[in-house]
PDB file of N, CA and C in Angstrom:
ATOM      1  N   MET A   1      64.309 154.476  77.712  1.00  0.00           N
ATOM      2  CA  MET A   1      65.427 153.617  77.259  1.00  0.00           C
ATOM      3  C   MET A   1      65.100 152.167  77.804  1.00  0.00           C
ATOM      4  N   ALA A   2      65.254 151.228  76.880  1.00  0.00           N
ATOM      5  CA  ALA A   2      64.899 149.850  77.220  1.00  0.00           C
ATOM      6  C   ALA A   2      65.935 149.203  78.138  1.00  0.00           C
ATOM      7  N   GLU A   3      65.434 148.204  78.901  1.00  0.00           N
ATOM      8  CA  GLU A   3      66.361 147.537  79.815  1.00  0.00           C
ATOM      9  C   GLU A   3      67.253 146.703  78.966  1.00  0.00           C
ATOM     10  N   PRO A   4      68.573 146.553  79.321  1.00  0.00           N
ATOM     11  CA  PRO A   4      69.457 145.703  78.468  1.00  0.00           C
ATOM     12  C   PRO A   4      69.126 144.224  78.779  1.00  0.00           C
ATOM     13  N   ILE A   5      69.351 143.360  77.666  1.00  0.00           N
ATOM     14  CA  ILE A   5      69.016 142.043  77.736  1.00  0.00           C
ATOM     15  C   ILE A   5      70.136 141.310  78.515  1.00  0.00           C
ATOM     16  N   ALA A   6      69.738 140.412  79.421  1.00  0.00           N
ATOM     17  CA  ALA A   6      70.638 139.750  80.257  1.00  0.00           C
ATOM     18  C   ALA A   6      71.397 138.673  79.410  1.00  0.00           C
ATOM     19  N   LEU A   7      72.614 138.992  78.984  1.00  0.00           N
ATOM     20  CA  LEU A   7      73.505 138.129  78.270  1.00  0.00           C
ATOM     21  C   LEU A   7      74.578 137.524  79.243  1.00  0.00           C
ATOM     22  N   THR A   8      74.916 136.282  79.026  1.00  0.00           N
ATOM     23  CA  THR A   8      75.947 135.664  79.821  1.00  0.00           C
ATOM     24  C   THR A   8      76.958 134.928  78.843  1.00  0.00           C
ATOM     25  N   ILE A   9      78.093 134.789  79.383  1.00  0.00           N
ATOM     26  CA  ILE A   9      79.133 134.075  78.579  1.00  0.00           C
ATOM     27  C   ILE A   9      78.675 132.609  78.361  1.00  0.00           C
ATOM     28  N   GLY A  10      78.752 132.255  77.058  1.00  0.00           N
ATOM     29  CA  GLY A  10      78.386 130.922  76.738  1.00  0.00           C
ATOM     30  C   GLY A  10      77.039 130.884  76.039  1.00  0.00           C
ATOM     31  N   ASP A  11      76.273 132.018  76.002  1.00  0.00           N
ATOM     32  CA  ASP A  11      75.033 132.070  75.329  1.00  0.00           C
ATOM     33  C   ASP A  11      75.210 131.808  73.845  1.00  0.00           C
ATOM     34  N   VAL A  12      74.330 131.048  73.186  1.00  0.00           N
ATOM     35  CA  VAL A  12      74.374 130.890  71.761  1.00  0.00           C
ATOM     36  C   VAL A  12      73.140 131.619  71.161  1.00  0.00           C
ATOM     37  N   VAL A  13      73.344 132.583  70.325  1.00  0.00           N
ATOM     38  CA  VAL A  13      72.172 133.293  69.772  1.00  0.00           C
ATOM     39  C   VAL A  13      72.113 133.283  68.231  1.00  0.00           C
ATOM     40  N   GLU A  14      70.981 133.392  67.708  1.00  0.00           N
ATOM     41  CA  GLU A  14      70.821 133.473  66.236  1.00  0.00           C
ATOM     42  C   GLU A  14      70.590 134.994  65.977  1.00  0.00           C
ATOM     43  N   LEU A  15      71.349 135.563  65.093  1.00  0.00           N
ATOM     44  CA  LEU A  15      71.122 136.938  64.690  1.00  0.00           C
ATOM     45  C   LEU A  15      70.311 137.085  63.444  1.00  0.00           C
ATOM     46  N   ARG A  16      69.839 138.337  63.175  1.00  0.00           N
ATOM     47  CA  ARG A  16      68.861 138.509  62.095  1.00  0.00           C
ATOM     48  C   ARG A  16      69.671 138.410  60.730  1.00  0.00           C
ATOM     49  N   LYS A  17      70.755 138.983  60.692  1.00  0.00           N
ATOM     50  CA  LYS A  17      71.468 139.059  59.443  1.00  0.00           C
ATOM     51  C   LYS A  17      72.620 137.909  59.481  1.00  0.00           C
ATOM     52  N   THR A  18      72.913 137.464  58.306  1.00  0.00           N
ATOM     53  CA  THR A  18      73.971 136.431  58.206  1.00  0.00           C
ATOM     54  C   THR A  18      75.297 137.056  58.086  1.00  0.00           C
ATOM     55  N   HIS A  19      76.327 136.293  58.591  1.00  0.00           N
ATOM     56  CA  HIS A  19      77.763 136.592  58.507  1.00  0.00           C
ATOM     57  C   HIS A  19      78.188 136.390  57.076  1.00  0.00           C
ATOM     58  N   PRO A  20      79.119 137.021  56.574  1.00  0.00           N
ATOM     59  CA  PRO A  20      79.594 136.704  55.170  1.00  0.00           C
ATOM     60  C   PRO A  20      79.778 135.248  54.908  1.00  0.00           C
ATOM     61  N   CYS A  21      80.149 134.478  55.865  1.00  0.00           N
ATOM     62  CA  CYS A  21      80.440 133.040  55.667  1.00  0.00           C
ATOM     63  C   CYS A  21      79.150 132.235  55.546  1.00  0.00           C
ATOM     64  N   GLY A  22      78.004 132.910  55.781  1.00  0.00           N
ATOM     65  CA  GLY A  22      76.694 132.286  55.718  1.00  0.00           C
ATOM     66  C   GLY A  22      76.166 131.773  57.089  1.00  0.00           C
ATOM     67  N   GLY A  23      76.962 131.993  58.143  1.00  0.00           N
ATOM     68  CA  GLY A  23      76.444 131.556  59.486  1.00  0.00           C
ATOM     69  C   GLY A  23      75.559 132.573  60.210  1.00  0.00           C
ATOM     70  N   ARG A  24      74.692 132.149  60.955  1.00  0.00           N
ATOM     71  CA  ARG A  24      73.783 133.037  61.798  1.00  0.00           C
ATOM     72  C   ARG A  24      73.902 132.763  63.241  1.00  0.00           C
ATOM     73  N   LEU A  25      74.517 131.706  63.674  1.00  0.00           N
ATOM     74  CA  LEU A  25      74.697 131.400  65.080  1.00  0.00           C
ATOM     75  C   LEU A  25      76.081 131.855  65.644  1.00  0.00           C
ATOM     76  N   TRP A  26      75.951 132.522  66.847  1.00  0.00           N
ATOM     77  CA  TRP A  26      77.092 133.180  67.447  1.00  0.00           C
ATOM     78  C   TRP A  26      77.071 132.763  68.919  1.00  0.00           C
ATOM     79  N   ARG A  27      78.298 132.486  69.510  1.00  0.00           N
ATOM     80  CA  ARG A  27      78.529 132.231  70.894  1.00  0.00           C
ATOM     81  C   ARG A  27      79.107 133.436  71.565  1.00  0.00           C
ATOM     82  N   VAL A  28      78.530 133.911  72.600  1.00  0.00           N
ATOM     83  CA  VAL A  28      78.997 135.091  73.422  1.00  0.00           C
ATOM     84  C   VAL A  28      80.188 134.668  74.214  1.00  0.00           C
ATOM     85  N   LEU A  29      81.314 135.379  74.039  1.00  0.00           N
ATOM     86  CA  LEU A  29      82.543 135.043  74.811  1.00  0.00           C
ATOM     87  C   LEU A  29      82.941 136.223  75.653  1.00  0.00           C
ATOM     88  N   ARG A  30      82.406 137.403  75.556  1.00  0.00           N
ATOM     89  CA  ARG A  30      82.733 138.615  76.351  1.00  0.00           C
ATOM     90  C   ARG A  30      81.449 139.433  76.501  1.00  0.00           C
ATOM     91  N   VAL A  31      81.256 139.937  77.686  1.00  0.00           N
ATOM     92  CA  VAL A  31      80.014 140.734  77.976  1.00  0.00           C
ATOM     93  C   VAL A  31      80.529 142.061  78.584  1.00  0.00           C
ATOM     94  N   GLY A  32      80.031 143.146  78.061  1.00  0.00           N
ATOM     95  CA  GLY A  32      80.348 144.404  78.632  1.00  0.00           C
ATOM     96  C   GLY A  32      79.636 145.430  77.734  1.00  0.00           C
ATOM     97  N   LEU A  33      80.316 146.666  77.607  1.00  0.00           N
ATOM     98  CA  LEU A  33      79.812 147.683  76.752  1.00  0.00           C
ATOM     99  C   LEU A  33      79.841 147.180  75.285  1.00  0.00           C
ATOM    100  N   ASP A  34      80.756 146.417  74.945  1.00  0.00           N
ATOM    101  CA  ASP A  34      80.897 145.647  73.656  1.00  0.00           C
ATOM    102  C   ASP A  34      80.743 144.132  73.877  1.00  0.00           C
ATOM    103  N   ILE A  35      80.117 143.463  72.956  1.00  0.00           N
ATOM    104  CA  ILE A  35      79.863 142.045  73.086  1.00  0.00           C
ATOM    105  C   ILE A  35      80.933 141.364  72.197  1.00  0.00           C
ATOM    106  N   GLY A  36      81.729 140.438  72.700  1.00  0.00           N
ATOM    107  CA  GLY A  36      82.650 139.656  71.975  1.00  0.00           C
ATOM    108  C   GLY A  36      81.895 138.307  71.634  1.00  0.00           C
ATOM    109  N   ALA A  37      81.843 138.069  70.279  1.00  0.00           N
ATOM    110  CA  ALA A  37      81.079 136.852  69.912  1.00  0.00           C
ATOM    111  C   ALA A  37      81.922 136.115  68.846  1.00  0.00           C
ATOM    112  N   GLU A  38      81.771 134.778  68.796  1.00  0.00           N
ATOM    113  CA  GLU A  38      82.369 134.021  67.831  1.00  0.00           C
ATOM    114  C   GLU A  38      81.406 133.337  66.899  1.00  0.00           C
ATOM    115  N   CYS A  39      81.594 133.510  65.572  1.00  0.00           N
ATOM    116  CA  CYS A  39      80.700 132.846  64.586  1.00  0.00           C
ATOM    117  C   CYS A  39      80.926 131.304  64.705  1.00  0.00           C
ATOM    118  N   LEU A  40      79.808 130.514  64.836  1.00  0.00           N
ATOM    119  CA  LEU A  40      79.996 129.117  65.007  1.00  0.00           C
ATOM    120  C   LEU A  40      80.154 128.356  63.782  1.00  0.00           C
ATOM    121  N   THR A  41      80.120 129.022  62.519  1.00  0.00           N
ATOM    122  CA  THR A  41      80.419 128.452  61.246  1.00  0.00           C
ATOM    123  C   THR A  41      81.824 128.501  60.850  1.00  0.00           C
ATOM    124  N   CYS A  42      82.390 129.844  61.044  1.00  0.00           N
ATOM    125  CA  CYS A  42      83.750 130.021  60.553  1.00  0.00           C
ATOM    126  C   CYS A  42      84.817 130.294  61.715  1.00  0.00           C
ATOM    127  N   ARG A  43      84.265 130.381  62.946  1.00  0.00           N
ATOM    128  CA  ARG A  43      85.086 130.630  64.145  1.00  0.00           C
ATOM    129  C   ARG A  43      85.700 131.973  64.222  1.00  0.00           C
ATOM    130  N   ARG A  44      85.157 132.990  63.424  1.00  0.00           N
ATOM    131  CA  ARG A  44      85.664 134.326  63.504  1.00  0.00           C
ATOM    132  C   ARG A  44      85.180 134.962  64.707  1.00  0.00           C
ATOM    133  N   TYR A  45      86.089 135.820  65.421  1.00  0.00           N
ATOM    134  CA  TYR A  45      85.756 136.604  66.641  1.00  0.00           C
ATOM    135  C   TYR A  45      85.591 137.960  66.275  1.00  0.00           C
ATOM    136  N   VAL A  46      84.456 138.564  66.755  1.00  0.00           N
ATOM    137  CA  VAL A  46      84.268 140.021  66.525  1.00  0.00           C
ATOM    138  C   VAL A  46      83.764 140.725  67.754  1.00  0.00           C
ATOM    139  N   LEU A  47      83.980 141.983  67.902  1.00  0.00           N
ATOM    140  CA  LEU A  47      83.482 142.849  68.944  1.00  0.00           C
ATOM    141  C   LEU A  47      82.364 143.702  68.335  1.00  0.00           C
ATOM    142  N   ILE A  48      81.127 143.662  68.946  1.00  0.00           N
ATOM    143  CA  ILE A  48      80.010 144.422  68.380  1.00  0.00           C
ATOM    144  C   ILE A  48      79.506 145.269  69.590  1.00  0.00           C
ATOM    145  N   PRO A  49      79.202 146.527  69.310  1.00  0.00           N
ATOM    146  CA  PRO A  49      78.590 147.311  70.326  1.00  0.00           C
ATOM    147  C   PRO A  49      77.250 146.607  70.879  1.00  0.00           C
ATOM    148  N   ARG A  50      77.157 146.753  72.192  1.00  0.00           N
ATOM    149  CA  ARG A  50      76.024 146.059  72.834  1.00  0.00           C
ATOM    150  C   ARG A  50      74.720 146.321  72.298  1.00  0.00           C
ATOM    151  N   ARG A  51      74.391 147.603  72.124  1.00  0.00           N
ATOM    152  CA  ARG A  51      73.132 148.055  71.594  1.00  0.00           C
ATOM    153  C   ARG A  51      72.799 147.397  70.237  1.00  0.00           C
ATOM    154  N   ARG A  52      73.825 147.391  69.372  1.00  0.00           N
ATOM    155  CA  ARG A  52      73.580 146.869  68.007  1.00  0.00           C
ATOM    156  C   ARG A  52      73.430 145.305  68.067  1.00  0.00           C
ATOM    157  N   PHE A  53      74.206 144.627  68.922  1.00  0.00           N
ATOM    158  CA  PHE A  53      74.085 143.203  69.124  1.00  0.00           C
ATOM    159  C   PHE A  53      72.702 142.832  69.669  1.00  0.00           C
ATOM    160  N   GLU A  54      72.294 143.538  70.728  1.00  0.00           N
ATOM    161  CA  GLU A  54      70.910 143.312  71.245  1.00  0.00           C
ATOM    162  C   GLU A  54      69.786 143.402  70.231  1.00  0.00           C
ATOM    163  N   HIS A  55      69.934 144.457  69.441  1.00  0.00           N
ATOM    164  CA  HIS A  55      68.950 144.771  68.391  1.00  0.00           C
ATOM    165  C   HIS A  55      68.892 143.589  67.424  1.00  0.00           C
ATOM    166  N   ASP A  56      70.063 143.045  67.010  1.00  0.00           N
ATOM    167  CA  ASP A  56      70.117 142.029  65.970  1.00  0.00           C
ATOM    168  C   ASP A  56      69.766 140.655  66.502  1.00  0.00           C
ATOM    169  N   ILE A  57      69.565 140.425  67.760  1.00  0.00           N
ATOM    170  CA  ILE A  57      69.247 139.090  68.208  1.00  0.00           C
ATOM    171  C   ILE A  57      67.882 138.681  67.759  1.00  0.00           C
ATOM    172  N   LYS A  58      67.757 137.476  67.131  1.00  0.00           N
ATOM    173  CA  LYS A  58      66.485 136.931  66.733  1.00  0.00           C
ATOM    174  C   LYS A  58      65.938 136.032  67.736  1.00  0.00           C
ATOM    175  N   ARG A  59      66.813 135.086  68.275  1.00  0.00           N
ATOM    176  CA  ARG A  59      66.351 134.225  69.331  1.00  0.00           C
ATOM    177  C   ARG A  59      67.560 133.661  69.941  1.00  0.00           C
ATOM    178  N   PHE A  60      67.360 133.095  71.250  1.00  0.00           N
ATOM    179  CA  PHE A  60      68.427 132.403  71.976  1.00  0.00           C
ATOM    180  C   PHE A  60      68.325 130.955  71.612  1.00  0.00           C
ATOM    181  N   VAL A  61      69.319 130.299  71.184  1.00  0.00           N
ATOM    182  CA  VAL A  61      69.407 128.852  70.904  1.00  0.00           C
ATOM    183  C   VAL A  61      69.704 128.171  72.078  1.00  0.00           C
ATOM    184  N   GLU A  62      70.784 128.682  72.843  1.00  0.00           N
ATOM    185  CA  GLU A  62      71.187 127.945  74.119  1.00  0.00           C
ATOM    186  C   GLU A  62      71.639 129.054  75.034  1.00  0.00           C
ATOM    187  N   ARG A  63      71.332 128.838  76.342  1.00  0.00           N
ATOM    188  CA  ARG A  63      71.701 129.779  77.436  1.00  0.00           C
ATOM    189  C   ARG A  63      72.957 129.245  78.078  1.00  0.00           C
ATOM    190  N   GLY A  64      73.869 130.165  78.399  1.00  0.00           N
ATOM    191  CA  GLY A  64      75.021 129.808  79.222  1.00  0.00           C
ATOM    192  C   GLY A  64      74.706 129.585  80.680  1.00  0.00           C
ATOM    193  N   PRO A  65      75.682 129.208  81.500  1.00  0.00           N
ATOM    194  CA  PRO A  65      75.415 128.942  82.906  1.00  0.00           C
ATOM    195  C   PRO A  65      75.009 130.266  83.591  1.00  0.00           C
ATOM    196  N   GLU A  66      74.006 130.150  84.373  1.00  0.00           N
ATOM    197  CA  GLU A  66      73.489 131.269  85.183  1.00  0.00           C
ATOM    198  C   GLU A  66      74.538 131.689  86.222  1.00  0.00           C
ATOM    199  N   VAL A  67      74.784 133.040  86.353  1.00  0.00           N
ATOM    200  CA  VAL A  67      75.728 133.542  87.390  1.00  0.00           C
ATOM    201  C   VAL A  67      74.932 133.987  88.654  1.00  0.00           C
ATOM    202  N   VAL A  68      75.300 133.476  89.753  1.00  0.00           N
ATOM    203  CA  VAL A  68      74.661 133.858  90.987  1.00  0.00           C
ATOM    204  C   VAL A  68      75.322 135.073  91.617  1.00  0.00           C
ATOM    205  N   ALA A  69      74.617 136.088  91.866  1.00  0.00           N
ATOM    206  CA  ALA A  69      75.264 137.276  92.528  1.00  0.00           C
ATOM    207  C   ALA A  69      75.272 137.117  93.985  1.00  0.00           C
ATOM    208  N   LEU A  70      76.432 137.488  94.632  1.00  0.00           N
ATOM    209  CA  LEU A  70      76.596 137.344  96.006  1.00  0.00           C
ATOM    210  C   LEU A  70      76.142 138.597  96.782  1.00  0.00           C
TER     211      LEU A  70
END
């Protein structure tokens, strides 16, 4: 099993498939078993299973702030 990708809140990613509105850029707003993401074209918020979201990532456009573990 592959190691999960380190996603943080605030990351902007480009996905392989386009959203029905035509947008490909998404901002990560929730991280967990499901990923909550907002389309940057139409502002629609969706929950996507983490495995599917990680598979669909084409590239990171912008990284969110790094979280320091205590």
